[in-house]
Amino acid sequence: LIAVVAVLSLLLAALLVVRPGKGLLVAVVVVGLVFAALDAREVLHQANESNTGLLVMALMTGLLHLGVAVVAAAGLRTPSAVATTA
């Protein structure tokens, strides 16, 4: 599952560099929020297991995924930052 997430993330990043567009930014927002939700679930699981190290890693990863979603959403609000190829 981690490999799938990593490949999907890299694919989205590469597509944004090669062919930016609003539709792709929407996909990044959605994927970022889904990954952040999965990370939040993992934080809760690790808290129940009292595994502080993995809890911190899951929390940091979730915050990074949330940050990606916020930055992509901000890109949707600024039309000059995105090519007009929707």
Protein backbone atom coordinates (compact mmCIF):
# COMPACT_ATOMS: atom_id res chain seq x y z
CA LEU A 1 0.00 0.00 0.00
CA ILE A 2 2.85 2.37 0.81
CA ALA A 3 4.42 1.73 -2.59
CA VAL A 4 1.11 2.51 -4.33
CA VAL A 5 0.79 5.77 -2.38
CA ALA A 6 4.36 6.74 -3.24
CA VAL A 7 3.95 5.95 -6.94
CA LEU A 8 0.63 7.82 -7.13
CA SER A 9 2.13 10.84 -5.38
CA LEU A 10 5.14 10.93 -7.69
CA LEU A 11 2.91 10.50 -10.74
CA LEU A 12 0.70 13.42 -9.71
CA ALA A 13 3.75 15.59 -9.03
CA ALA A 14 5.26 14.75 -12.43
CA LEU A 15 1.99 15.46 -14.20
CA LEU A 16 1.73 18.85 -12.47
CA VAL A 17 5.19 19.76 -13.71
CA VAL A 18 4.59 18.56 -17.27
CA ARG A 19 0.99 19.60 -17.78
CA PRO A 20 -0.49 21.76 -15.02
CA GLY A 21 -4.22 22.29 -14.96
CA LYS A 22 -7.14 22.86 -12.67
CA GLY A 23 -8.45 19.33 -13.01
CA LEU A 24 -5.13 17.93 -11.92
CA LEU A 25 -5.02 20.34 -8.96
CA VAL A 26 -8.46 19.11 -7.90
CA ALA A 27 -7.14 15.54 -8.06
CA VAL A 28 -4.17 16.52 -5.89
CA VAL A 29 -6.49 18.13 -3.33
CA VAL A 30 -8.70 15.03 -3.19
CA VAL A 31 -5.79 12.59 -3.00
CA GLY A 32 -4.05 14.71 -0.36
CA LEU A 33 -7.17 14.79 1.80
CA VAL A 34 -7.76 11.04 1.43
CA PHE A 35 -4.15 10.29 2.37
CA ALA A 36 -4.39 12.70 5.33
CA ALA A 37 -7.53 10.90 6.53
CA LEU A 38 -5.78 7.54 6.27
CA ASP A 39 -2.83 8.96 8.20
CA ALA A 40 -5.20 10.25 10.91
CA ARG A 41 -6.63 6.76 11.25
CA GLU A 42 -3.12 5.40 11.60
CA VAL A 43 -2.36 7.99 14.30
CA LEU A 44 -5.36 6.73 16.28
CA HIS A 45 -4.30 3.12 15.79
CA GLN A 46 -0.75 3.80 16.96
CA ALA A 47 -2.07 5.75 19.96
CA ASN A 48 -4.09 2.67 20.96
CA GLU A 49 -0.99 0.52 20.54
CA SER A 50 1.11 3.01 22.56
CA ASN A 51 3.68 3.13 19.77
CA THR A 52 4.97 6.68 20.03
CA GLY A 53 7.53 6.46 17.22
CA LEU A 54 5.04 5.34 14.57
CA LEU A 55 2.44 7.73 15.94
CA VAL A 56 4.78 10.67 15.37
CA MET A 57 5.66 9.43 11.86
CA ALA A 58 1.99 9.02 10.94
CA LEU A 59 1.18 12.46 12.37
CA MET A 60 3.97 14.14 10.39
CA THR A 61 2.98 12.33 7.21
CA GLY A 62 -0.64 13.36 7.70
CA LEU A 63 0.36 16.98 8.19
CA LEU A 64 2.44 16.86 5.01
CA HIS A 65 -0.46 15.37 3.04
CA LEU A 66 -2.75 18.04 4.44
CA GLY A 67 -0.20 20.69 3.46
CA VAL A 68 -0.10 19.39 -0.10
CA ALA A 69 -3.89 19.60 -0.29
CA VAL A 70 -3.86 23.17 1.03
CA VAL A 71 -1.18 24.30 -1.42
CA ALA A 72 -3.02 22.67 -4.33
CA ALA A 73 -6.27 24.32 -3.23
CA ALA A 74 -4.47 27.67 -3.10
CA GLY A 75 -3.30 27.02 -6.65
CA LEU A 76 -6.93 26.68 -7.68
CA ARG A 77 -7.66 30.15 -6.32
CA THR A 78 -4.90 31.91 -8.27
CA PRO A 79 -5.61 31.66 -12.00
CA SER A 80 -2.22 33.10 -12.97
CA ALA A 81 -0.40 30.24 -11.23
CA VAL A 82 -2.13 27.58 -13.31
CA ALA A 83 -2.02 27.16 -17.05
CA THR A 84 -5.35 27.65 -18.79
CA THR A 85 -5.44 24.02 -19.97
CA ALA A 86 -8.39 22.76 -17.95
